[in-house]
Amino acid sequence: MKSVQVILGSYIKAPHQVFRNISWRRPRKTSDHRIIFVVGAPRSGTTLMERVLNSHSKLFSMQQETGLISLRNIFSRDHFGLSREENRQLFSESSDIVDFFTRAARLLESRNEGRTLIEKTPQHVLHIGFLTRYFPNARFVNVVRDGRDAYCSSRKHPNVRLNSPAIYARYWKRCIDAGLSVKDDPIVHTVRYEDFTSDPQLHLAKVMAFLDLELESSQFEATQVQADARSSFERHQRLAQPITSATVGRWRDELTNQQVQDFQAVAGSELEAYGYELA
């Protein structure tokens, strides 16, 4: 309900921008720019993946989500950590949302020694069909985690207001189904959180090979982790710790049998699609 209010509120304040928003969501052409998108359901390990990618010498991230591909009024807020004036300039120069995204990425890359931008907005997985179509030179890292564990993690996160297992399961199911719809696309690489945390070196090497980059030792160094400001927040405290699979299967201890059954009744087939056993 809150998200609907935010969306409606963004247009109530600027009703004259409704038709421009509609037009901008109908891109004229594709982008030839190479961006790395990290996507996945909430609390699936996308921030961890972003962090290890950001530690590579040829990549960088903004350490914040753009949330650009959404139903909110595009012009009601600033994007990419750029100033209001910079956003207004890009708005005036761009023809649509894909053009704007591309121009912003190029501007940021010019300020970061030409390194490739990592864009991490988990919910962009819901728009992955649109993104793969209009960014054919991009690469997408889709992080999947057992939804029951993700639900346990989400209950302590202030930005995830899905208190019911069934409600969260419906959203998780949508994210998983969206990812499955592009599972055979060569520009999409899916990695399970459980596999990545059990053997990070092996599975990060696979991700880097997918990105046509060499694995670097710096991607596992503690000094790189400490440079991520988010590691000081409680909800991201695990960023400051070694990569571990300690939280895998936490749902077995934290959820009641009824909560597990409620989740599986909604998203059981999606759990099985990625090899997660049902209780």
C-alpha atoms as a PDB file:
ATOM      1  CA  MET A   1       0.000   0.000   0.000  1.00  0.00           C
ATOM      2  CA  LYS A   2       2.802   2.394   0.898  1.00  0.00           C
ATOM      3  CA  SER A   3       4.500   1.866  -2.475  1.00  0.00           C
ATOM      4  CA  VAL A   4       1.232   2.642  -4.287  1.00  0.00           C
ATOM      5  CA  GLN A   5       0.911   5.856  -2.306  1.00  0.00           C
ATOM      6  CA  VAL A   6       4.468   6.836  -3.219  1.00  0.00           C
ATOM      7  CA  ILE A   7       3.803   6.201  -6.915  1.00  0.00           C
ATOM      8  CA  LEU A   8       0.537   8.144  -6.950  1.00  0.00           C
ATOM      9  CA  GLY A   9       2.052  10.936  -4.894  1.00  0.00           C
ATOM     10  CA  SER A  10       4.862  11.407  -7.401  1.00  0.00           C
ATOM     11  CA  TYR A  11       2.278  12.215 -10.099  1.00  0.00           C
ATOM     12  CA  ILE A  12      -0.161  14.202  -7.963  1.00  0.00           C
ATOM     13  CA  LYS A  13       2.626  16.689  -7.338  1.00  0.00           C
ATOM     14  CA  ALA A  14       3.367  16.996 -11.072  1.00  0.00           C
ATOM     15  CA  PRO A  15       0.363  15.847 -13.166  1.00  0.00           C
ATOM     16  CA  HIS A  16       1.740  17.631 -16.232  1.00  0.00           C
ATOM     17  CA  GLN A  17       4.543  15.028 -16.366  1.00  0.00           C
ATOM     18  CA  VAL A  18       2.255  12.003 -16.789  1.00  0.00           C
ATOM     19  CA  PHE A  19       2.371  11.888 -20.583  1.00  0.00           C
ATOM     20  CA  ARG A  20       6.109  12.517 -20.687  1.00  0.00           C
ATOM     21  CA  ASN A  21       6.566   9.526 -18.371  1.00  0.00           C
ATOM     22  CA  ILE A  22       4.499   7.378 -20.725  1.00  0.00           C
ATOM     23  CA  SER A  23       6.540   8.537 -23.705  1.00  0.00           C
ATOM     24  CA  TRP A  24       9.847   7.943 -21.941  1.00  0.00           C
ATOM     25  CA  ARG A  25       8.896   4.341 -21.210  1.00  0.00           C
ATOM     26  CA  ARG A  26       8.631   3.655 -24.944  1.00  0.00           C
ATOM     27  CA  PRO A  27      12.282   3.819 -26.033  1.00  0.00           C
ATOM     28  CA  ARG A  28      13.091   4.731 -29.626  1.00  0.00           C
ATOM     29  CA  LYS A  29      16.153   2.513 -29.867  1.00  0.00           C
ATOM     30  CA  THR A  30      18.426   0.196 -27.919  1.00  0.00           C
ATOM     31  CA  SER A  31      21.580   1.213 -26.088  1.00  0.00           C
ATOM     32  CA  ASP A  32      24.974  -0.079 -27.170  1.00  0.00           C
ATOM     33  CA  HIS A  33      26.479   0.727 -23.774  1.00  0.00           C
ATOM     34  CA  ARG A  34      27.863  -2.013 -21.533  1.00  0.00           C
ATOM     35  CA  ILE A  35      26.517  -1.846 -17.991  1.00  0.00           C
ATOM     36  CA  ILE A  36      26.584  -4.603 -15.396  1.00  0.00           C
ATOM     37  CA  PHE A  37      23.190  -5.067 -13.748  1.00  0.00           C
ATOM     38  CA  VAL A  38      22.947  -6.989 -10.466  1.00  0.00           C
ATOM     39  CA  VAL A  39      19.375  -8.099  -9.795  1.00  0.00           C
ATOM     40  CA  GLY A  40      17.398 -10.510  -7.648  1.00  0.00           C
ATOM     41  CA  ALA A  41      14.648 -10.770  -5.065  1.00  0.00           C
ATOM     42  CA  PRO A  42      15.069  -8.647  -1.900  1.00  0.00           C
ATOM     43  CA  ARG A  43      17.583 -10.004   0.638  1.00  0.00           C
ATOM     44  CA  SER A  44      19.052 -12.514  -1.793  1.00  0.00           C
ATOM     45  CA  GLY A  45      22.683 -11.402  -1.620  1.00  0.00           C
ATOM     46  CA  THR A  46      22.685  -8.759  -4.354  1.00  0.00           C
ATOM     47  CA  THR A  47      24.547  -6.279  -2.135  1.00  0.00           C
ATOM     48  CA  LEU A  48      27.226  -8.876  -1.404  1.00  0.00           C
ATOM     49  CA  MET A  49      27.610  -9.547  -5.127  1.00  0.00           C
ATOM     50  CA  GLU A  50      27.789  -5.832  -5.866  1.00  0.00           C
ATOM     51  CA  ARG A  51      30.468  -5.408  -3.205  1.00  0.00           C
ATOM     52  CA  VAL A  52      32.826  -8.063  -4.583  1.00  0.00           C
ATOM     53  CA  LEU A  53      32.339  -6.779  -8.131  1.00  0.00           C
ATOM     54  CA  ASN A  54      32.934  -3.201  -6.996  1.00  0.00           C
ATOM     55  CA  SER A  55      36.311  -4.277  -5.591  1.00  0.00           C
ATOM     56  CA  HIS A  56      37.546  -5.084  -9.109  1.00  0.00           C
ATOM     57  CA  SER A  57      39.930  -2.559 -10.653  1.00  0.00           C
ATOM     58  CA  LYS A  58      37.865  -2.206 -13.838  1.00  0.00           C
ATOM     59  CA  LEU A  59      34.446  -1.873 -12.219  1.00  0.00           C
ATOM     60  CA  PHE A  60      32.683   0.560  -9.900  1.00  0.00           C
ATOM     61  CA  SER A  61      29.275   0.987  -8.306  1.00  0.00           C
ATOM     62  CA  MET A  62      27.424   3.893  -6.723  1.00  0.00           C
ATOM     63  CA  GLN A  63      26.720   1.816  -3.598  1.00  0.00           C
ATOM     64  CA  GLN A  64      23.084   2.835  -3.893  1.00  0.00           C
ATOM     65  CA  GLU A  65      20.073   1.709  -5.888  1.00  0.00           C
ATOM     66  CA  THR A  66      18.705   3.794  -8.739  1.00  0.00           C
ATOM     67  CA  GLY A  67      15.238   2.233  -8.817  1.00  0.00           C
ATOM     68  CA  LEU A  68      14.932   3.986 -12.155  1.00  0.00           C
ATOM     69  CA  ILE A  69      12.908   1.297 -13.919  1.00  0.00           C
ATOM     70  CA  SER A  70       9.737   1.606 -11.859  1.00  0.00           C
ATOM     71  CA  LEU A  71       6.269   3.151 -12.026  1.00  0.00           C
ATOM     72  CA  ARG A  72       7.255   6.288 -10.119  1.00  0.00           C
ATOM     73  CA  ASN A  73       7.448   9.649 -11.861  1.00  0.00           C
ATOM     74  CA  ILE A  74      10.902   9.596 -13.430  1.00  0.00           C
ATOM     75  CA  PHE A  75      11.266  13.354 -13.154  1.00  0.00           C
ATOM     76  CA  SER A  76      10.183  13.682  -9.509  1.00  0.00           C
ATOM     77  CA  ARG A  77      13.568  12.842  -8.014  1.00  0.00           C
ATOM     78  CA  ASP A  78      17.277  12.831  -8.704  1.00  0.00           C
ATOM     79  CA  HIS A  79      19.057   9.718  -9.950  1.00  0.00           C
ATOM     80  CA  PHE A  80      22.526   8.128  -9.915  1.00  0.00           C
ATOM     81  CA  GLY A  81      23.716  10.292  -7.031  1.00  0.00           C
ATOM     82  CA  LEU A  82      23.943  13.232  -9.411  1.00  0.00           C
ATOM     83  CA  SER A  83      22.987  16.775  -8.468  1.00  0.00           C
ATOM     84  CA  ARG A  84      19.616  18.301  -9.252  1.00  0.00           C
ATOM     85  CA  GLU A  85      21.181  20.457 -11.948  1.00  0.00           C
ATOM     86  CA  GLU A  86      22.976  17.485 -13.521  1.00  0.00           C
ATOM     87  CA  ASN A  87      19.744  15.492 -13.575  1.00  0.00           C
ATOM     88  CA  ARG A  88      17.864  18.364 -15.178  1.00  0.00           C
ATOM     89  CA  GLN A  89      20.554  18.662 -17.818  1.00  0.00           C
ATOM     90  CA  LEU A  90      20.365  14.940 -18.591  1.00  0.00           C
ATOM     91  CA  PHE A  91      16.554  15.065 -18.659  1.00  0.00           C
ATOM     92  CA  SER A  92      16.692  17.828 -21.265  1.00  0.00           C
ATOM     93  CA  GLU A  93      19.270  16.017 -23.409  1.00  0.00           C
ATOM     94  CA  SER A  94      17.678  12.551 -23.316  1.00  0.00           C
ATOM     95  CA  SER A  95      14.876  11.234 -25.504  1.00  0.00           C
ATOM     96  CA  ASP A  96      13.696   8.389 -23.240  1.00  0.00           C
ATOM     97  CA  ILE A  97      14.566   6.335 -20.173  1.00  0.00           C
ATOM     98  CA  VAL A  98      17.113   4.154 -21.998  1.00  0.00           C
ATOM     99  CA  ASP A  99      18.866   7.201 -23.426  1.00  0.00           C
ATOM    100  CA  PHE A 100      18.875   8.840 -19.981  1.00  0.00           C
ATOM    101  CA  PHE A 101      20.261   5.694 -18.354  1.00  0.00           C
ATOM    102  CA  THR A 102      23.021   5.492 -20.954  1.00  0.00           C
ATOM    103  CA  ARG A 103      24.000   9.154 -20.691  1.00  0.00           C
ATOM    104  CA  ALA A 104      24.107   8.973 -16.895  1.00  0.00           C
ATOM    105  CA  ALA A 105      26.250   5.816 -16.987  1.00  0.00           C
ATOM    106  CA  ARG A 106      28.720   7.424 -19.378  1.00  0.00           C
ATOM    107  CA  LEU A 107      28.941  10.545 -17.223  1.00  0.00           C
ATOM    108  CA  LEU A 108      29.647   8.505 -14.100  1.00  0.00           C
ATOM    109  CA  GLU A 109      32.195   6.339 -15.896  1.00  0.00           C
ATOM    110  CA  SER A 110      34.025   9.432 -17.137  1.00  0.00           C
ATOM    111  CA  ARG A 111      34.427  10.424 -13.485  1.00  0.00           C
ATOM    112  CA  ASN A 112      35.643   6.969 -12.474  1.00  0.00           C
ATOM    113  CA  GLU A 113      38.602   6.466 -14.794  1.00  0.00           C
ATOM    114  CA  GLY A 114      36.490   4.817 -17.465  1.00  0.00           C
ATOM    115  CA  ARG A 115      35.591   1.826 -15.311  1.00  0.00           C
ATOM    116  CA  THR A 116      32.357  -0.024 -16.083  1.00  0.00           C
ATOM    117  CA  LEU A 117      29.293   0.857 -14.019  1.00  0.00           C
ATOM    118  CA  ILE A 118      27.642  -1.756 -11.802  1.00  0.00           C
ATOM    119  CA  GLU A 119      23.960  -0.934 -11.327  1.00  0.00           C
ATOM    120  CA  LYS A 120      22.404  -2.836  -8.422  1.00  0.00           C
ATOM    121  CA  THR A 121      18.672  -2.463  -7.944  1.00  0.00           C
ATOM    122  CA  PRO A 122      17.299  -5.877  -6.882  1.00  0.00           C
ATOM    123  CA  GLN A 123      13.733  -5.216  -8.068  1.00  0.00           C
ATOM    124  CA  HIS A 124      14.968  -4.487 -11.577  1.00  0.00           C
ATOM    125  CA  VAL A 125      14.718  -8.256 -12.012  1.00  0.00           C
ATOM    126  CA  LEU A 126      10.983  -7.653 -12.480  1.00  0.00           C
ATOM    127  CA  HIS A 127      11.860  -5.634 -15.586  1.00  0.00           C
ATOM    128  CA  ILE A 128      14.664  -7.856 -16.826  1.00  0.00           C
ATOM    129  CA  GLY A 129      12.864  -8.594 -20.093  1.00  0.00           C
ATOM    130  CA  PHE A 130      12.751  -4.873 -20.864  1.00  0.00           C
ATOM    131  CA  LEU A 131      16.368  -4.363 -19.791  1.00  0.00           C
ATOM    132  CA  THR A 132      17.802  -7.269 -21.800  1.00  0.00           C
ATOM    133  CA  ARG A 133      15.914  -6.044 -24.854  1.00  0.00           C
ATOM    134  CA  TYR A 134      17.073  -2.429 -24.675  1.00  0.00           C
ATOM    135  CA  PHE A 135      20.570  -3.042 -23.274  1.00  0.00           C
ATOM    136  CA  PRO A 136      21.766  -5.948 -25.454  1.00  0.00           C
ATOM    137  CA  ASN A 137      25.449  -5.237 -24.693  1.00  0.00           C
ATOM    138  CA  ALA A 138      24.895  -5.216 -20.934  1.00  0.00           C
ATOM    139  CA  ARG A 139      25.516  -8.150 -18.610  1.00  0.00           C
ATOM    140  CA  PHE A 140      23.067  -9.282 -15.934  1.00  0.00           C
ATOM    141  CA  VAL A 141      24.027 -11.116 -12.756  1.00  0.00           C
ATOM    142  CA  ASN A 142      20.856 -12.591 -11.255  1.00  0.00           C
ATOM    143  CA  VAL A 143      21.322 -13.673  -7.633  1.00  0.00           C
ATOM    144  CA  VAL A 144      18.908 -16.330  -6.350  1.00  0.00           C
ATOM    145  CA  ARG A 145      18.476 -17.358  -2.717  1.00  0.00           C
ATOM    146  CA  ASP A 146      16.168 -19.814  -0.967  1.00  0.00           C
ATOM    147  CA  GLY A 147      13.086 -17.663  -0.515  1.00  0.00           C
ATOM    148  CA  ARG A 148      12.477 -18.970   2.989  1.00  0.00           C
ATOM    149  CA  ASP A 149      15.897 -17.704   4.095  1.00  0.00           C
ATOM    150  CA  ALA A 150      15.356 -14.445   2.232  1.00  0.00           C
ATOM    151  CA  TYR A 151      12.088 -13.993   4.103  1.00  0.00           C
ATOM    152  CA  CYS A 152      13.849 -14.508   7.448  1.00  0.00           C
ATOM    153  CA  SER A 153      16.370 -11.834   6.492  1.00  0.00           C
ATOM    154  CA  SER A 154      13.702  -9.430   5.244  1.00  0.00           C
ATOM    155  CA  ARG A 155      11.873  -9.374   8.569  1.00  0.00           C
ATOM    156  CA  LYS A 156      14.677  -7.279  10.083  1.00  0.00           C
ATOM    157  CA  HIS A 157      15.071  -4.940   7.125  1.00  0.00           C
ATOM    158  CA  PRO A 158      13.338  -1.533   7.443  1.00  0.00           C
ATOM    159  CA  ASN A 159      12.697  -1.231   3.717  1.00  0.00           C
ATOM    160  CA  VAL A 160      10.982  -4.596   3.286  1.00  0.00           C
ATOM    161  CA  ARG A 161       7.452  -4.370   4.685  1.00  0.00           C
ATOM    162  CA  LEU A 162       6.250  -7.865   3.858  1.00  0.00           C
ATOM    163  CA  ASN A 163       5.562  -9.366   7.281  1.00  0.00           C
ATOM    164  CA  SER A 164       3.509 -12.341   6.096  1.00  0.00           C
ATOM    165  CA  PRO A 165       5.334 -15.363   4.596  1.00  0.00           C
ATOM    166  CA  ALA A 166       2.637 -15.672   1.927  1.00  0.00           C
ATOM    167  CA  ILE A 167       2.865 -11.983   0.966  1.00  0.00           C
ATOM    168  CA  TYR A 168       6.650 -12.120   0.713  1.00  0.00           C
ATOM    169  CA  ALA A 169       6.408 -15.425  -1.175  1.00  0.00           C
ATOM    170  CA  ARG A 170       4.203 -13.823  -3.823  1.00  0.00           C
ATOM    171  CA  TYR A 171       6.756 -11.090  -4.416  1.00  0.00           C
ATOM    172  CA  TRP A 172       9.665 -13.558  -4.342  1.00  0.00           C
ATOM    173  CA  LYS A 173       7.789 -15.773  -6.822  1.00  0.00           C
ATOM    174  CA  ARG A 174       7.391 -12.828  -9.227  1.00  0.00           C
ATOM    175  CA  CYS A 175      11.127 -12.118  -9.026  1.00  0.00           C
ATOM    176  CA  ILE A 176      12.046 -15.761  -9.599  1.00  0.00           C
ATOM    177  CA  ASP A 177       9.609 -16.173 -12.495  1.00  0.00           C
ATOM    178  CA  ALA A 178      11.024 -13.035 -14.124  1.00  0.00           C
ATOM    179  CA  GLY A 179      14.538 -14.441 -13.859  1.00  0.00           C
ATOM    180  CA  LEU A 180      13.449 -17.815 -15.205  1.00  0.00           C
ATOM    181  CA  SER A 181      11.939 -16.094 -18.251  1.00  0.00           C
ATOM    182  CA  VAL A 182      15.450 -15.112 -19.415  1.00  0.00           C
ATOM    183  CA  LYS A 183      17.422 -18.070 -18.042  1.00  0.00           C
ATOM    184  CA  ASP A 184      18.633 -19.059 -21.515  1.00  0.00           C
ATOM    185  CA  ASP A 185      19.665 -15.545 -22.524  1.00  0.00           C
ATOM    186  CA  PRO A 186      23.471 -15.484 -22.999  1.00  0.00           C
ATOM    187  CA  ILE A 187      23.760 -12.045 -21.389  1.00  0.00           C
ATOM    188  CA  VAL A 188      22.222 -13.313 -18.126  1.00  0.00           C
ATOM    189  CA  HIS A 189      24.181 -15.304 -15.529  1.00  0.00           C
ATOM    190  CA  THR A 190      22.327 -16.738 -12.547  1.00  0.00           C
ATOM    191  CA  VAL A 191      24.158 -17.656  -9.344  1.00  0.00           C
ATOM    192  CA  ARG A 192      22.651 -19.194  -6.234  1.00  0.00           C
ATOM    193  CA  TYR A 193      23.553 -17.450  -2.974  1.00  0.00           C
ATOM    194  CA  GLU A 194      24.106 -20.842  -1.352  1.00  0.00           C
ATOM    195  CA  ASP A 195      26.657 -21.891  -3.985  1.00  0.00           C
ATOM    196  CA  PHE A 196      28.418 -18.533  -3.932  1.00  0.00           C
ATOM    197  CA  THR A 197      28.827 -18.417  -0.150  1.00  0.00           C
ATOM    198  CA  SER A 198      29.951 -22.054   0.106  1.00  0.00           C
ATOM    199  CA  ASP A 199      32.756 -21.562  -2.441  1.00  0.00           C
ATOM    200  CA  PRO A 200      33.088 -17.841  -3.248  1.00  0.00           C
ATOM    201  CA  GLN A 201      36.339 -18.170  -5.171  1.00  0.00           C
ATOM    202  CA  LEU A 202      34.945 -20.772  -7.568  1.00  0.00           C
ATOM    203  CA  HIS A 203      31.644 -19.054  -8.216  1.00  0.00           C
ATOM    204  CA  LEU A 204      33.031 -15.524  -8.388  1.00  0.00           C
ATOM    205  CA  ALA A 205      35.537 -16.806 -10.952  1.00  0.00           C
ATOM    206  CA  LYS A 206      32.573 -18.005 -13.024  1.00  0.00           C
ATOM    207  CA  VAL A 207      30.887 -14.616 -12.720  1.00  0.00           C
ATOM    208  CA  MET A 208      34.068 -12.806 -13.747  1.00  0.00           C
ATOM    209  CA  ALA A 209      34.534 -15.137 -16.730  1.00  0.00           C
ATOM    210  CA  PHE A 210      30.963 -14.317 -17.753  1.00  0.00           C
ATOM    211  CA  LEU A 211      31.934 -10.626 -17.567  1.00  0.00           C
ATOM    212  CA  ASP A 212      35.118 -11.291 -19.587  1.00  0.00           C
ATOM    213  CA  LEU A 213      37.289 -10.142 -16.686  1.00  0.00           C
ATOM    214  CA  GLU A 214      40.002 -11.763 -14.597  1.00  0.00           C
ATOM    215  CA  LEU A 215      39.360 -12.572 -10.955  1.00  0.00           C
ATOM    216  CA  GLU A 216      41.403 -10.274  -8.683  1.00  0.00           C
ATOM    217  CA  SER A 217      42.580 -11.033  -5.147  1.00  0.00           C
ATOM    218  CA  SER A 218      41.432  -7.558  -4.073  1.00  0.00           C
ATOM    219  CA  GLN A 219      37.843  -8.722  -4.423  1.00  0.00           C
ATOM    220  CA  PHE A 220      38.215 -10.696  -1.194  1.00  0.00           C
ATOM    221  CA  GLU A 221      40.299  -8.189   0.805  1.00  0.00           C
ATOM    222  CA  ALA A 222      38.878  -6.782   4.038  1.00  0.00           C
ATOM    223  CA  THR A 223      40.137  -3.268   3.245  1.00  0.00           C
ATOM    224  CA  GLN A 224      37.886  -3.185   0.210  1.00  0.00           C
ATOM    225  CA  VAL A 225      34.911  -4.222   2.336  1.00  0.00           C
ATOM    226  CA  GLN A 226      35.580  -1.513   4.902  1.00  0.00           C
ATOM    227  CA  ALA A 227      35.529   1.068   2.110  1.00  0.00           C
ATOM    228  CA  ASP A 228      31.851   0.261   1.566  1.00  0.00           C
ATOM    229  CA  ALA A 229      29.962   2.727   3.770  1.00  0.00           C
ATOM    230  CA  ARG A 230      26.961   0.394   3.972  1.00  0.00           C
ATOM    231  CA  SER A 231      28.893  -2.105   6.105  1.00  0.00           C
ATOM    232  CA  SER A 232      28.306   0.176   9.115  1.00  0.00           C
ATOM    233  CA  PHE A 233      24.525  -0.292   8.901  1.00  0.00           C
ATOM    234  CA  GLU A 234      23.006  -3.166  10.885  1.00  0.00           C
ATOM    235  CA  ARG A 235      21.076  -4.493   7.885  1.00  0.00           C
ATOM    236  CA  HIS A 236      24.342  -4.780   5.928  1.00  0.00           C
ATOM    237  CA  GLN A 237      26.628  -5.749   8.806  1.00  0.00           C
ATOM    238  CA  ARG A 238      27.583  -9.014   7.103  1.00  0.00           C
ATOM    239  CA  LEU A 239      29.376  -6.999   4.417  1.00  0.00           C
ATOM    240  CA  ALA A 240      32.137  -6.363   6.963  1.00  0.00           C
ATOM    241  CA  GLN A 241      32.544 -10.078   7.671  1.00  0.00           C
ATOM    242  CA  PRO A 242      34.176 -12.873   5.658  1.00  0.00           C
ATOM    243  CA  ILE A 243      31.896 -14.496   3.099  1.00  0.00           C
ATOM    244  CA  THR A 244      30.262 -17.463   4.791  1.00  0.00           C
ATOM    245  CA  SER A 245      27.321 -19.803   4.350  1.00  0.00           C
ATOM    246  CA  ALA A 246      26.411 -19.563   8.055  1.00  0.00           C
ATOM    247  CA  THR A 247      22.908 -18.240   7.362  1.00  0.00           C
ATOM    248  CA  VAL A 248      22.030 -20.870   4.763  1.00  0.00           C
ATOM    249  CA  GLY A 249      19.026 -22.847   5.981  1.00  0.00           C
ATOM    250  CA  ARG A 250      18.202 -20.425   8.812  1.00  0.00           C
ATOM    251  CA  TRP A 251      14.516 -20.839   8.026  1.00  0.00           C
ATOM    252  CA  ARG A 252      14.597 -24.297   9.609  1.00  0.00           C
ATOM    253  CA  ASP A 253      15.244 -22.696  13.014  1.00  0.00           C
ATOM    254  CA  GLU A 254      13.421 -19.382  12.636  1.00  0.00           C
ATOM    255  CA  LEU A 255      10.128 -20.240  10.932  1.00  0.00           C
ATOM    256  CA  THR A 256       7.235 -22.244  12.299  1.00  0.00           C
ATOM    257  CA  ASN A 257       5.955 -25.187  10.302  1.00  0.00           C
ATOM    258  CA  GLN A 258       2.866 -23.153   9.406  1.00  0.00           C
ATOM    259  CA  GLN A 259       4.975 -20.270   8.096  1.00  0.00           C
ATOM    260  CA  VAL A 260       7.003 -22.678   5.965  1.00  0.00           C
ATOM    261  CA  GLN A 261       3.865 -24.268   4.556  1.00  0.00           C
ATOM    262  CA  ASP A 262       2.344 -20.846   3.843  1.00  0.00           C
ATOM    263  CA  PHE A 263       5.442 -19.868   1.865  1.00  0.00           C
ATOM    264  CA  GLN A 264       5.656 -23.150  -0.037  1.00  0.00           C
ATOM    265  CA  ALA A 265       1.963 -23.093  -0.920  1.00  0.00           C
ATOM    266  CA  VAL A 266       2.649 -19.932  -2.904  1.00  0.00           C
ATOM    267  CA  ALA A 267       6.149 -20.493  -4.296  1.00  0.00           C
ATOM    268  CA  GLY A 268       6.901 -24.183  -3.935  1.00  0.00           C
ATOM    269  CA  SER A 269       7.453 -24.757  -7.651  1.00  0.00           C
ATOM    270  CA  GLU A 270       9.895 -21.830  -7.832  1.00  0.00           C
ATOM    271  CA  LEU A 271      11.857 -23.224  -4.883  1.00  0.00           C
ATOM    272  CA  GLU A 272      12.119 -26.571  -6.647  1.00  0.00           C
ATOM    273  CA  ALA A 273      13.097 -24.895  -9.930  1.00  0.00           C
ATOM    274  CA  TYR A 274      16.382 -23.870  -8.305  1.00  0.00           C
ATOM    275  CA  GLY A 275      16.950 -27.092  -6.405  1.00  0.00           C
ATOM    276  CA  TYR A 276      15.580 -26.116  -3.005  1.00  0.00           C
ATOM    277  CA  GLU A 277      13.919 -29.035  -1.242  1.00  0.00           C
ATOM    278  CA  LEU A 278      10.448 -28.577   0.173  1.00  0.00           C
ATOM    279  CA  ALA A 279       9.745 -29.342   3.814  1.00  0.00           C
END
